[in-house]
Amino acid sequence: MTAAPRPRWSRFTTLLAALAGTAVILTGGATAAHAEPSVTEIERQIDQDWEKLEPIIEQYNATSQDLAVKSRQADALAKQIAPLQLQVDLAMGQVSGLAAEAYKGQNVSTVNALLGSRSPGDVLAGLELLDRFAHRQQQEVRSVVDLRDQLTAKKKPLDEMVTQLTRTKAQLAAKKQQINAEIARLGKLRLKVYGSGGGGPLRPAPCPSGYPGGPAGVAVKFACAQIGKIYVWGAAGPDHFDCSGLTMAAWDKAGVSLPHNARQQHDVTRRVSRSELRPGDLVFYYSDLHHVGMYVGDGWVVHASQSGKPITMKRVDDGQINSYGRPG
């Protein structure tokens, strides 16, 4: 049985708690180098540190997207409310004018003239007409007020969410300098291990192994063509990509829209089994779904893995697999 998704505010609370602990994660003594660290030890530490950083990067992407969507929705409602408020203001102005005329006695004079110059039947008909007109005007104003109030009530939670998302994004942005410093540190460690040549062949097998045709063929060929470009977090091309940015850009070339976030890509793609995998499918890693790559056939994926490291191929089982998804 699938667990119910946590409320958005709960996710914010969890994220902020994670951010509060980031300083400990990034500056803790666990990353101190040994006197003579081996290649395996440094590579393992790089992977461990990056797994802590990447969820924050992915959440920044998701928060930015949510903020943009909710802001557009709030702005659209504000545009609907503005003319309704204008109608209410005009109607209230008319009511004020009628009240002023009545105070001056103009309406009383009109009624007196009507009573003095017409038959009783004409007077009753005229008063009925005036009553119907006033009632209709009142109903029209009331309908406008009701619609305005409904839209305002609908906009209120959006405004609250925009405020919360803005605050969360600001807190994430405040961590940017610290994250970038850690990324730079990891890059130096990586250079110590690999030098400037990178971690071995970037394309150890044909990419893709075969062309599935259709949108998947377009997406997988695009992803393979990006091999060698350097990972930059938050990037979605054309010169740099992060993990979800690469898969989003690849499927965008095929006419399929995906969000710029690994977990959200998981949520909008159709689950497939390992035996059903075909080039173009997405492979999601780790229990919190903070990494994604594209399957290119014969047991290989293309992925943007870590900052400062080029897009490359790896074996599909090289990492804790969560699930597989098929866009489109």
Protein backbone atom coordinates (compact mmCIF):
# COMPACT_ATOMS: atom_id res chain seq x y z
CA MET A 1 0.00 0.00 0.00
CA THR A 2 1.43 3.37 -1.02
CA ALA A 3 1.86 5.86 1.81
CA ALA A 4 -0.11 9.11 1.52
CA PRO A 5 2.08 12.04 0.37
CA ARG A 6 3.16 14.41 3.10
CA PRO A 7 1.52 17.85 3.15
CA ARG A 8 3.50 20.57 1.40
CA TRP A 9 4.06 22.45 4.68
CA SER A 10 5.48 19.26 6.23
CA ARG A 11 7.94 19.01 3.36
CA PHE A 12 8.97 22.62 3.98
CA THR A 13 9.52 21.88 7.69
CA THR A 14 11.62 18.84 6.86
CA LEU A 15 13.63 20.82 4.32
CA LEU A 16 14.35 23.65 6.75
CA ALA A 17 15.47 21.13 9.37
CA ALA A 18 17.79 19.60 6.79
CA LEU A 19 19.18 23.02 5.93
CA ALA A 20 19.84 23.73 9.59
CA GLY A 21 22.01 20.64 9.72
CA THR A 22 23.84 21.33 6.48
CA ALA A 23 26.63 23.24 8.18
CA VAL A 24 27.39 20.17 10.29
CA ILE A 25 27.31 17.97 7.20
CA LEU A 26 29.57 20.19 5.13
CA THR A 27 32.10 21.13 7.81
CA GLY A 28 32.17 17.96 9.92
CA GLY A 29 35.36 16.18 10.70
CA ALA A 30 34.35 13.12 8.66
CA THR A 31 35.80 14.68 5.50
CA ALA A 32 39.27 15.25 6.93
CA ALA A 33 41.85 13.68 4.65
CA HIS A 34 44.09 10.88 5.87
CA ALA A 35 47.82 11.42 5.77
CA GLU A 36 48.01 9.34 2.60
CA PRO A 37 44.45 8.73 1.39
CA SER A 38 43.98 6.09 -1.23
CA VAL A 39 42.10 6.69 -4.45
CA THR A 40 39.28 4.47 -3.18
CA GLU A 41 39.01 6.37 0.11
CA ILE A 42 38.82 9.79 -1.55
CA GLU A 43 36.32 8.60 -4.14
CA ARG A 44 34.14 7.08 -1.44
CA GLN A 45 34.21 10.34 0.57
CA ILE A 46 33.34 12.39 -2.52
CA ASP A 47 30.33 10.16 -3.17
CA GLN A 48 29.18 10.35 0.45
CA ASP A 49 29.45 14.15 0.57
CA TRP A 50 27.71 14.57 -2.75
CA GLU A 51 24.78 12.40 -1.68
CA LYS A 52 24.24 14.90 1.16
CA LEU A 53 24.48 17.92 -1.12
CA GLU A 54 22.39 16.75 -4.07
CA PRO A 55 19.03 16.58 -2.20
CA ILE A 56 19.44 20.26 -1.26
CA ILE A 57 20.19 21.16 -4.87
CA GLU A 58 17.16 19.23 -6.10
CA GLN A 59 14.91 20.85 -3.49
CA TYR A 60 16.10 24.28 -4.63
CA ASN A 61 14.99 23.39 -8.16
CA ALA A 62 11.59 22.16 -6.92
CA THR A 63 11.05 25.23 -4.72
CA SER A 64 11.87 27.58 -7.59
CA GLN A 65 9.38 25.80 -9.84
CA ASP A 66 6.63 25.78 -7.21
CA LEU A 67 7.16 29.47 -6.50
CA ALA A 68 6.90 30.35 -10.19
CA VAL A 69 3.67 28.34 -10.62
CA LYS A 70 1.96 29.67 -7.50
CA SER A 71 2.99 33.25 -8.28
CA ARG A 72 1.46 32.97 -11.76
CA GLN A 73 -1.77 31.57 -10.28
CA ALA A 74 -1.98 34.37 -7.68
CA ASP A 75 -1.30 37.00 -10.35
CA ALA A 76 -4.04 35.55 -12.59
CA LEU A 77 -6.57 35.74 -9.75
CA ALA A 78 -5.51 39.30 -8.94
CA LYS A 79 -6.23 40.26 -12.56
CA GLN A 80 -9.73 38.77 -12.23
CA ILE A 81 -10.39 40.50 -8.93
CA ALA A 82 -9.32 44.01 -10.00
CA PRO A 83 -12.20 44.74 -12.44
CA LEU A 84 -14.73 43.24 -10.01
CA GLN A 85 -13.49 45.55 -7.28
CA LEU A 86 -13.84 48.46 -9.72
CA GLN A 87 -17.47 47.49 -10.37
CA VAL A 88 -18.16 47.34 -6.63
CA ASP A 89 -16.54 50.73 -6.11
CA LEU A 90 -18.60 52.28 -8.92
CA ALA A 91 -21.82 50.76 -7.56
CA MET A 92 -21.07 52.05 -4.07
CA GLY A 93 -20.43 55.46 -5.59
CA GLN A 94 -23.86 55.37 -7.21
CA VAL A 95 -25.44 54.40 -3.90
CA SER A 96 -23.70 57.31 -2.22
CA GLY A 97 -25.02 59.66 -4.93
CA LEU A 98 -28.58 58.44 -4.49
CA ALA A 99 -28.32 58.87 -0.75
CA ALA A 100 -27.08 62.42 -1.19
CA GLU A 101 -29.98 63.26 -3.56
CA ALA A 102 -32.49 61.81 -1.10
CA TYR A 103 -30.95 63.89 1.67
CA LYS A 104 -31.38 67.03 -0.47
CA GLY A 105 -35.04 66.12 -1.01
CA GLN A 106 -34.83 65.60 -4.78
CA ASN A 107 -36.32 62.10 -4.68
CA VAL A 108 -39.10 63.26 -2.32
CA SER A 109 -40.04 66.03 -4.77
CA THR A 110 -40.16 63.56 -7.62
CA VAL A 111 -42.48 61.24 -5.70
CA ASN A 112 -44.71 64.13 -4.66
CA ALA A 113 -45.02 65.24 -8.28
CA LEU A 114 -45.85 61.67 -9.29
CA LEU A 115 -48.56 61.41 -6.65
CA GLY A 116 -50.07 64.78 -7.55
CA SER A 117 -50.24 64.43 -11.32
CA ARG A 118 -51.20 60.79 -12.01
CA SER A 119 -54.07 58.49 -11.28
CA PRO A 120 -53.73 56.01 -8.39
CA GLY A 121 -53.17 53.16 -10.90
CA ASP A 122 -50.36 55.04 -12.61
CA VAL A 123 -48.73 55.84 -9.28
CA LEU A 124 -48.79 52.19 -8.17
CA ALA A 125 -47.36 51.02 -11.50
CA GLY A 126 -44.60 53.62 -11.31
CA LEU A 127 -43.65 52.70 -7.76
CA GLU A 128 -43.59 49.00 -8.71
CA LEU A 129 -41.26 49.78 -11.61
CA LEU A 130 -38.96 51.79 -9.37
CA ASP A 131 -38.91 48.96 -6.81
CA ARG A 132 -38.07 46.33 -9.43
CA PHE A 133 -35.28 48.50 -10.81
CA ALA A 134 -33.78 49.04 -7.35
CA HIS A 135 -34.04 45.33 -6.57
CA ARG A 136 -32.35 44.34 -9.84
CA GLN A 137 -29.55 46.83 -9.24
CA GLN A 138 -29.07 45.45 -5.75
CA GLN A 139 -28.88 41.88 -7.04
CA GLU A 140 -26.34 42.83 -9.70
CA VAL A 141 -24.11 44.49 -7.14
CA ARG A 142 -24.49 41.50 -4.81
CA SER A 143 -23.47 39.02 -7.52
CA VAL A 144 -20.34 41.04 -8.27
CA VAL A 145 -19.47 41.23 -4.57
CA ASP A 146 -20.01 37.48 -4.15
CA LEU A 147 -17.73 36.65 -7.10
CA ARG A 148 -15.08 39.04 -5.85
CA ASP A 149 -15.20 37.47 -2.39
CA GLN A 150 -14.97 33.95 -3.82
CA LEU A 151 -11.88 34.82 -5.85
CA THR A 152 -10.32 36.64 -2.90
CA ALA A 153 -10.85 33.57 -0.69
CA LYS A 154 -9.28 31.39 -3.38
CA LYS A 155 -6.29 33.72 -3.65
CA LYS A 156 -5.57 33.88 0.09
CA PRO A 157 -3.97 30.41 0.48
CA LEU A 158 -2.00 31.02 -2.72
CA ASP A 159 -0.62 34.23 -1.25
CA GLU A 160 0.33 32.37 1.92
CA MET A 161 2.07 29.66 -0.10
CA VAL A 162 3.94 32.24 -2.20
CA THR A 163 5.15 33.86 1.03
CA GLN A 164 6.32 30.51 2.42
CA LEU A 165 7.98 29.47 -0.84
CA THR A 166 9.74 32.82 -1.10
CA ARG A 167 11.06 32.40 2.46
CA THR A 168 12.21 28.84 1.76
CA LYS A 169 13.94 29.84 -1.47
CA ALA A 170 15.71 32.69 0.31
CA GLN A 171 17.00 30.27 2.95
CA LEU A 172 18.17 27.90 0.23
CA ALA A 173 19.87 30.76 -1.59
CA ALA A 174 21.61 31.75 1.64
CA LYS A 175 23.22 28.28 1.60
CA LYS A 176 24.45 28.74 -1.96
CA GLN A 177 27.84 30.13 -0.98
CA GLN A 178 28.41 27.30 1.47
CA ILE A 179 27.29 24.71 -1.09
CA ASN A 180 29.56 26.20 -3.74
CA ALA A 181 32.50 26.15 -1.33
CA GLU A 182 31.88 22.47 -0.65
CA ILE A 183 31.55 21.76 -4.37
CA ALA A 184 34.90 23.47 -4.93
CA ARG A 185 36.45 21.32 -2.20
CA LEU A 186 35.06 18.17 -3.80
CA GLY A 187 36.41 19.31 -7.15
CA LYS A 188 39.92 19.62 -5.72
CA LEU A 189 39.66 16.15 -4.23
CA ARG A 190 38.47 14.82 -7.57
CA LEU A 191 41.39 16.42 -9.40
CA LYS A 192 43.70 14.83 -6.87
CA VAL A 193 42.23 11.44 -7.75
CA TYR A 194 41.72 11.77 -11.49
CA GLY A 195 43.78 14.73 -12.62
CA SER A 196 42.33 16.87 -15.40
CA GLY A 197 41.55 13.90 -17.60
CA GLY A 198 38.40 12.74 -15.81
CA GLY A 199 37.55 9.36 -14.36
CA GLY A 200 38.30 7.07 -17.26
CA PRO A 201 36.46 6.65 -20.58
CA LEU A 202 33.24 8.63 -20.66
CA ARG A 203 31.72 6.46 -23.37
CA PRO A 204 32.72 2.85 -22.62
CA ALA A 205 29.96 1.40 -24.82
CA PRO A 206 27.82 2.48 -27.79
CA CYS A 207 25.39 5.23 -26.75
CA PRO A 208 22.64 4.42 -27.34
CA SER A 209 23.01 0.70 -27.94
CA GLY A 210 20.15 0.94 -30.43
CA TYR A 211 17.63 3.53 -31.53
CA PRO A 212 14.07 2.94 -30.34
CA GLY A 213 12.62 5.49 -32.75
CA GLY A 214 9.91 8.03 -31.95
CA PRO A 215 10.22 10.50 -29.05
CA ALA A 216 12.37 8.10 -27.00
CA GLY A 217 14.87 7.95 -29.86
CA VAL A 218 15.08 11.75 -29.98
CA ALA A 219 15.54 11.98 -26.20
CA VAL A 220 18.21 9.30 -25.90
CA LYS A 221 20.25 10.61 -28.84
CA PHE A 222 20.22 14.08 -27.28
CA ALA A 223 21.34 12.73 -23.88
CA CYS A 224 24.20 10.76 -25.45
CA ALA A 225 25.32 13.86 -27.37
CA GLN A 226 25.84 15.72 -24.07
CA ILE A 227 28.51 13.29 -22.83
CA GLY A 228 31.59 15.23 -21.77
CA LYS A 229 29.75 18.41 -20.74
CA ILE A 230 30.35 19.42 -17.13
CA TYR A 231 27.78 19.09 -14.36
CA VAL A 232 26.56 22.40 -12.89
CA TRP A 233 23.80 22.24 -10.31
CA GLY A 234 20.56 23.92 -11.31
CA ALA A 235 21.59 23.91 -15.00
CA ALA A 236 19.51 22.54 -17.88
CA GLY A 237 21.73 23.31 -20.87
CA PRO A 238 22.95 24.02 -23.34
CA ASP A 239 26.52 23.85 -21.99
CA HIS A 240 25.95 22.47 -18.49
CA PHE A 241 23.40 20.20 -16.83
CA ASP A 242 22.53 18.69 -13.48
CA CYS A 243 20.92 15.23 -13.27
CA SER A 244 17.26 16.19 -13.70
CA GLY A 245 18.22 19.08 -15.99
CA LEU A 246 19.76 16.59 -18.45
CA THR A 247 16.74 14.27 -18.55
CA MET A 248 14.35 17.24 -18.72
CA ALA A 249 16.24 18.81 -21.65
CA ALA A 250 16.50 15.48 -23.48
CA TRP A 251 12.78 14.76 -23.32
CA ASP A 252 11.98 18.39 -24.09
CA LYS A 253 13.70 17.84 -27.44
CA ALA A 254 11.22 15.01 -27.97
CA GLY A 255 8.25 17.26 -27.17
CA VAL A 256 7.63 15.87 -23.68
CA SER A 257 7.66 18.29 -20.74
CA LEU A 258 9.22 17.14 -17.47
CA PRO A 259 9.81 19.12 -14.26
CA HIS A 260 13.35 20.06 -13.24
CA ASN A 261 13.42 17.78 -10.23
CA ALA A 262 14.17 14.04 -9.93
CA ARG A 263 11.36 13.26 -7.47
CA GLN A 264 8.80 15.17 -9.55
CA GLN A 265 9.98 13.40 -12.72
CA HIS A 266 9.35 10.14 -10.88
CA ASP A 267 5.84 11.28 -10.02
CA VAL A 268 4.88 12.20 -13.62
CA THR A 269 6.33 9.14 -15.37
CA ARG A 270 4.82 5.69 -15.79
CA ARG A 271 6.41 2.91 -13.74
CA VAL A 272 8.07 0.12 -15.74
CA SER A 273 9.88 -3.01 -14.60
CA ARG A 274 13.56 -3.79 -15.07
CA SER A 275 12.74 -6.29 -17.80
CA GLU A 276 10.72 -3.63 -19.68
CA LEU A 277 13.53 -1.03 -19.76
CA ARG A 278 14.27 0.50 -23.14
CA PRO A 279 16.47 3.42 -24.25
CA GLY A 280 14.99 6.73 -23.13
CA ASP A 281 13.50 5.39 -19.88
CA LEU A 282 14.53 7.07 -16.64
CA VAL A 283 16.29 5.33 -13.77
CA PHE A 284 15.70 6.82 -10.32
CA TYR A 285 18.18 6.31 -7.50
CA TYR A 286 18.13 6.33 -3.68
CA SER A 287 15.21 6.18 -1.28
CA ASP A 288 14.60 9.95 -1.44
CA LEU A 289 14.76 9.99 -5.27
CA HIS A 290 17.44 12.67 -5.43
CA HIS A 291 19.20 11.36 -8.56
CA VAL A 292 18.05 10.34 -12.03
CA GLY A 293 19.75 9.03 -15.17
CA MET A 294 18.61 7.92 -18.64
CA TYR A 295 18.77 4.30 -19.74
CA VAL A 296 20.59 3.94 -23.09
CA GLY A 297 20.47 0.15 -23.53
CA ASP A 298 22.61 -2.93 -22.77
CA GLY A 299 22.65 -2.17 -19.04
CA TRP A 300 24.04 1.38 -19.32
CA VAL A 301 22.74 4.79 -18.31
CA VAL A 302 23.85 8.33 -19.16
CA HIS A 303 23.80 10.69 -16.21
CA ALA A 304 25.08 14.02 -14.89
CA SER A 305 26.52 12.89 -11.59
CA GLN A 306 28.47 15.47 -9.61
CA SER A 307 29.75 19.03 -9.82
CA GLY A 308 32.89 19.40 -11.86
CA LYS A 309 32.51 15.94 -13.35
CA PRO A 310 31.53 15.40 -16.98
CA ILE A 311 28.34 13.72 -18.10
CA THR A 312 29.21 10.09 -18.60
CA MET A 313 27.90 6.54 -18.90
CA LYS A 314 27.74 4.07 -16.04
CA ARG A 315 26.28 0.66 -15.38
CA VAL A 316 22.62 0.88 -14.40
CA ASP A 317 23.28 -1.03 -11.17
CA ASP A 318 26.04 1.37 -10.09
CA GLY A 319 23.93 3.02 -7.37
CA GLN A 320 20.92 2.25 -5.18
CA ILE A 321 18.06 1.91 -7.68
CA ASN A 322 14.66 3.12 -6.52
CA SER A 323 12.52 2.60 -9.63
CA TYR A 324 12.20 3.08 -13.40
CA GLY A 325 9.94 5.50 -15.27
CA ARG A 326 8.81 6.06 -18.84
CA PRO A 327 7.92 9.62 -19.95
CA GLY A 328 5.37 10.43 -22.58
